[in-house]
Amino acid sequence: MSHLWSFIALVAVLVAIPGPAVTLIMKNAVIRGSRVAFLTAAGILVADLVWVLASLVGLTAVLVASEPAFLAVKLLGAAYLAYLGVRLLLSRHDTPATTPDAAIASAATGGIKAFREGVICDLSNPKTVLVFASVIPQFLPAGHTFADAAILGVTFALVGFTSLAVYALVFSHVRYALNRPRLRKMLLRASGGILIAFGVGLAVESR
């Protein structure tokens, strides 16, 4: 049991460090509020659970061992972050919906889009692959079972979701503080630049 608490402590530190996922949460919280930000976090949770399954069947170990496969995941992740950043820099966020029906449709579309962004961002993040292939095995006891590995994987996913949920709450409150459209636009432009920087950094970063 002690190794589980040590693992939770390490994961809590890892997931609390701002990265692409936190930037996505901030962007969606500022644009559309806490509900959409939580859906982004939910998308990341689902992707983490996919990685849990992949690690249990040995896929993450294969990805790490295969340089071309790992490079493909890394470049896909870098390209997606850069795409999100450029789109954020070029888009407008100050045009309100003209009718109640349009507002409802916009909210639904925004939620689906935010969930999808969370899923794709995490599935194309090579650092998540490394966590499942390299970090989690270090906390598995000798003679561990399938269930032991599953527990650590799900724990990682849930701790990550909890951290992102806290960020979603914080940034959704920031949204209401940004009553001036110009300030909100500046923050979103900064978010776009940060996403592009993460994408470039990921592309040129070695293991």
Protein backbone atom coordinates (compact mmCIF):
# COMPACT_ATOMS: atom_id res chain seq x y z
CA MET A 1 0.00 0.00 0.00
CA SER A 2 2.90 2.38 0.72
CA HIS A 3 4.02 2.23 -2.91
CA LEU A 4 0.53 3.35 -3.96
CA TRP A 5 0.69 6.48 -1.81
CA SER A 6 4.19 7.24 -3.11
CA PHE A 7 2.86 6.85 -6.64
CA ILE A 8 -0.09 9.17 -5.95
CA ALA A 9 2.26 11.80 -4.53
CA LEU A 10 4.50 11.64 -7.61
CA VAL A 11 1.56 11.76 -10.02
CA ALA A 12 0.04 14.72 -8.15
CA VAL A 13 3.25 16.66 -8.74
CA LEU A 14 3.53 15.60 -12.39
CA VAL A 15 -0.03 16.50 -13.34
CA ALA A 16 -0.02 19.79 -11.42
CA ILE A 17 2.78 21.17 -13.61
CA PRO A 18 1.12 23.30 -16.34
CA GLY A 19 1.40 21.81 -19.80
CA PRO A 20 -0.68 21.52 -23.00
CA ALA A 21 -3.65 19.99 -21.16
CA VAL A 22 -3.79 22.84 -18.64
CA THR A 23 -3.53 25.38 -21.47
CA LEU A 24 -6.48 23.71 -23.22
CA ILE A 25 -8.47 23.81 -19.99
CA MET A 26 -7.69 27.50 -19.58
CA LYS A 27 -8.64 28.29 -23.17
CA ASN A 28 -11.99 26.51 -23.00
CA ALA A 29 -12.81 27.82 -19.51
CA VAL A 30 -12.20 31.42 -20.61
CA ILE A 31 -14.12 31.05 -23.89
CA ARG A 32 -17.11 28.95 -22.78
CA GLY A 33 -16.99 28.44 -19.02
CA SER A 34 -16.58 25.63 -16.52
CA ARG A 35 -18.88 23.07 -18.22
CA VAL A 36 -16.85 23.02 -21.41
CA ALA A 37 -13.59 23.05 -19.44
CA PHE A 38 -14.78 19.99 -17.49
CA LEU A 39 -15.63 18.27 -20.78
CA THR A 40 -12.06 18.91 -21.92
CA ALA A 41 -10.83 17.28 -18.71
CA ALA A 42 -13.24 14.39 -19.30
CA GLY A 43 -11.79 13.89 -22.78
CA ILE A 44 -8.30 13.71 -21.30
CA LEU A 45 -9.56 11.22 -18.70
CA VAL A 46 -10.98 8.97 -21.43
CA ALA A 47 -7.69 9.15 -23.34
CA ASP A 48 -5.77 8.27 -20.18
CA LEU A 49 -8.00 5.23 -19.70
CA VAL A 50 -7.26 4.22 -23.30
CA TRP A 51 -3.56 4.43 -22.45
CA VAL A 52 -4.22 2.30 -19.35
CA LEU A 53 -5.66 -0.41 -21.58
CA ALA A 54 -2.81 0.00 -24.06
CA SER A 55 -0.24 -0.41 -21.30
CA LEU A 56 -1.95 -3.53 -19.96
CA VAL A 57 -1.71 -5.23 -23.35
CA GLY A 58 1.88 -4.05 -23.86
CA LEU A 59 1.24 -1.45 -26.57
CA THR A 60 2.94 1.44 -24.76
CA ALA A 61 6.11 -0.63 -24.32
CA VAL A 62 6.08 -1.34 -28.06
CA LEU A 63 5.68 2.37 -28.85
CA VAL A 64 8.59 3.32 -26.61
CA ALA A 65 10.79 0.55 -28.04
CA SER A 66 9.99 1.50 -31.65
CA GLU A 67 11.70 4.75 -32.60
CA PRO A 68 9.55 5.33 -35.74
CA ALA A 69 6.30 4.71 -33.85
CA PHE A 70 7.28 6.95 -30.95
CA LEU A 71 8.42 9.67 -33.37
CA ALA A 72 5.09 9.45 -35.20
CA VAL A 73 3.16 9.96 -31.95
CA LYS A 74 5.44 12.86 -31.00
CA LEU A 75 5.10 14.64 -34.35
CA LEU A 76 1.34 14.09 -34.40
CA GLY A 77 1.09 15.64 -30.95
CA ALA A 78 3.32 18.57 -31.93
CA ALA A 79 1.32 19.23 -35.09
CA TYR A 80 -1.99 19.11 -33.22
CA LEU A 81 -0.84 21.55 -30.54
CA ALA A 82 0.48 23.93 -33.19
CA TYR A 83 -2.81 23.65 -35.10
CA LEU A 84 -4.83 24.50 -31.99
CA GLY A 85 -2.54 27.43 -31.24
CA VAL A 86 -2.70 28.89 -34.74
CA ARG A 87 -6.47 28.49 -34.85
CA LEU A 88 -6.76 30.26 -31.51
CA LEU A 89 -4.59 33.13 -32.72
CA LEU A 90 -6.63 33.58 -35.89
CA SER A 91 -10.14 33.10 -34.49
CA ARG A 92 -12.57 35.60 -32.99
CA HIS A 93 -14.23 35.02 -29.63
CA ASP A 94 -16.22 38.20 -29.23
CA THR A 95 -19.16 37.37 -31.52
CA PRO A 96 -22.19 36.36 -29.43
CA ALA A 97 -24.94 33.98 -30.56
CA THR A 98 -27.83 35.89 -32.11
CA THR A 99 -30.72 33.74 -30.84
CA PRO A 100 -31.39 31.39 -27.88
CA ASP A 101 -31.44 28.39 -30.23
CA ALA A 102 -28.13 29.48 -31.70
CA ALA A 103 -26.68 29.85 -28.22
CA ILE A 104 -27.80 26.31 -27.27
CA ALA A 105 -26.40 24.88 -30.49
CA SER A 106 -23.15 26.76 -29.96
CA ALA A 107 -22.83 25.43 -26.40
CA ALA A 108 -23.46 21.83 -27.52
CA THR A 109 -20.97 22.12 -30.38
CA GLY A 110 -18.42 23.72 -28.09
CA GLY A 111 -18.76 20.90 -25.56
CA ILE A 112 -18.27 18.16 -28.16
CA LYS A 113 -15.33 20.02 -29.65
CA ALA A 114 -13.72 20.53 -26.24
CA PHE A 115 -14.11 16.83 -25.37
CA ARG A 116 -12.55 15.87 -28.70
CA GLU A 117 -9.66 18.28 -28.14
CA GLY A 118 -8.95 16.67 -24.78
CA VAL A 119 -8.99 13.15 -26.22
CA ILE A 120 -6.73 13.95 -29.19
CA CYS A 121 -4.33 16.06 -27.13
CA ASP A 122 -3.71 13.26 -24.65
CA LEU A 123 -3.67 10.39 -27.13
CA SER A 124 -0.98 12.20 -29.13
CA ASN A 125 1.13 13.13 -26.09
CA PRO A 126 4.31 11.03 -26.03
CA LYS A 127 4.98 12.04 -22.42
CA THR A 128 1.85 10.17 -21.39
CA VAL A 129 3.19 7.13 -23.22
CA LEU A 130 6.44 7.40 -21.26
CA VAL A 131 4.58 7.61 -17.95
CA PHE A 132 2.74 4.37 -18.66
CA ALA A 133 5.76 2.60 -20.13
CA SER A 134 8.50 3.82 -17.78
CA VAL A 135 7.18 5.42 -14.58
CA ILE A 136 4.30 3.13 -13.61
CA PRO A 137 6.36 -0.11 -13.90
CA GLN A 138 8.76 1.24 -11.25
CA PHE A 139 5.95 1.21 -8.69
CA LEU A 140 4.75 -2.31 -9.43
CA PRO A 141 5.70 -4.90 -6.79
CA ALA A 142 7.63 -8.03 -7.67
CA GLY A 143 5.30 -10.67 -9.04
CA HIS A 144 2.62 -8.07 -9.69
CA THR A 145 -0.69 -9.03 -11.21
CA PHE A 146 -2.76 -7.58 -14.04
CA ALA A 147 -4.93 -5.89 -11.40
CA ASP A 148 -1.92 -4.18 -9.78
CA ALA A 149 -0.99 -2.51 -13.06
CA ALA A 150 -4.61 -1.58 -13.75
CA ILE A 151 -4.97 0.06 -10.32
CA LEU A 152 -1.91 2.25 -10.87
CA GLY A 153 -3.03 3.21 -14.36
CA VAL A 154 -6.54 4.15 -13.27
CA THR A 155 -5.10 6.02 -10.28
CA PHE A 156 -2.94 8.09 -12.64
CA ALA A 157 -5.98 8.90 -14.78
CA LEU A 158 -8.15 9.90 -11.80
CA VAL A 159 -5.48 12.04 -10.14
CA GLY A 160 -4.90 13.77 -13.46
CA PHE A 161 -8.61 14.41 -13.90
CA THR A 162 -8.88 15.82 -10.38
CA SER A 163 -6.01 18.22 -11.03
CA LEU A 164 -7.54 19.38 -14.32
CA ALA A 165 -10.95 19.80 -12.66
CA VAL A 166 -9.37 22.18 -10.14
CA TYR A 167 -7.78 24.14 -12.98
CA ALA A 168 -11.17 24.26 -14.72
CA LEU A 169 -12.80 25.77 -11.63
CA VAL A 170 -10.03 28.33 -11.19
CA PHE A 171 -10.00 29.45 -14.82
CA SER A 172 -13.80 29.60 -15.03
CA HIS A 173 -13.72 32.10 -12.16
CA VAL A 174 -11.02 34.03 -14.00
CA ARG A 175 -13.41 34.18 -16.94
CA TYR A 176 -15.90 36.24 -14.94
CA ALA A 177 -13.12 38.54 -13.78
CA LEU A 178 -12.22 39.25 -17.41
CA ASN A 179 -15.17 41.50 -18.14
CA ARG A 180 -13.21 43.53 -20.64
CA PRO A 181 -13.14 41.84 -24.08
CA ARG A 182 -9.68 43.19 -24.77
CA LEU A 183 -8.20 41.47 -21.71
CA ARG A 184 -9.94 38.22 -22.59
CA LYS A 185 -8.66 38.40 -26.14
CA MET A 186 -5.11 39.03 -24.91
CA LEU A 187 -5.28 35.97 -22.64
CA LEU A 188 -6.58 33.79 -25.46
CA ARG A 189 -3.90 35.04 -27.83
CA ALA A 190 -1.32 34.20 -25.18
CA SER A 191 -2.85 30.72 -24.86
CA GLY A 192 -2.50 30.27 -28.61
CA GLY A 193 1.14 31.27 -28.46
CA ILE A 194 1.76 28.89 -25.56
CA LEU A 195 0.17 25.98 -27.44
CA ILE A 196 2.36 26.70 -30.47
CA ALA A 197 5.43 26.86 -28.21
CA PHE A 198 4.51 23.51 -26.65
CA GLY A 199 4.09 22.05 -30.14
CA VAL A 200 7.48 23.31 -31.33
CA GLY A 201 9.15 22.20 -28.11
CA LEU A 202 7.65 18.74 -28.42
CA ALA A 203 8.76 18.42 -32.04
CA VAL A 204 12.41 19.26 -31.33
CA GLU A 205 12.65 17.56 -27.93
CA SER A 206 14.60 14.34 -27.67
CA ARG A 207 13.53 11.57 -25.33
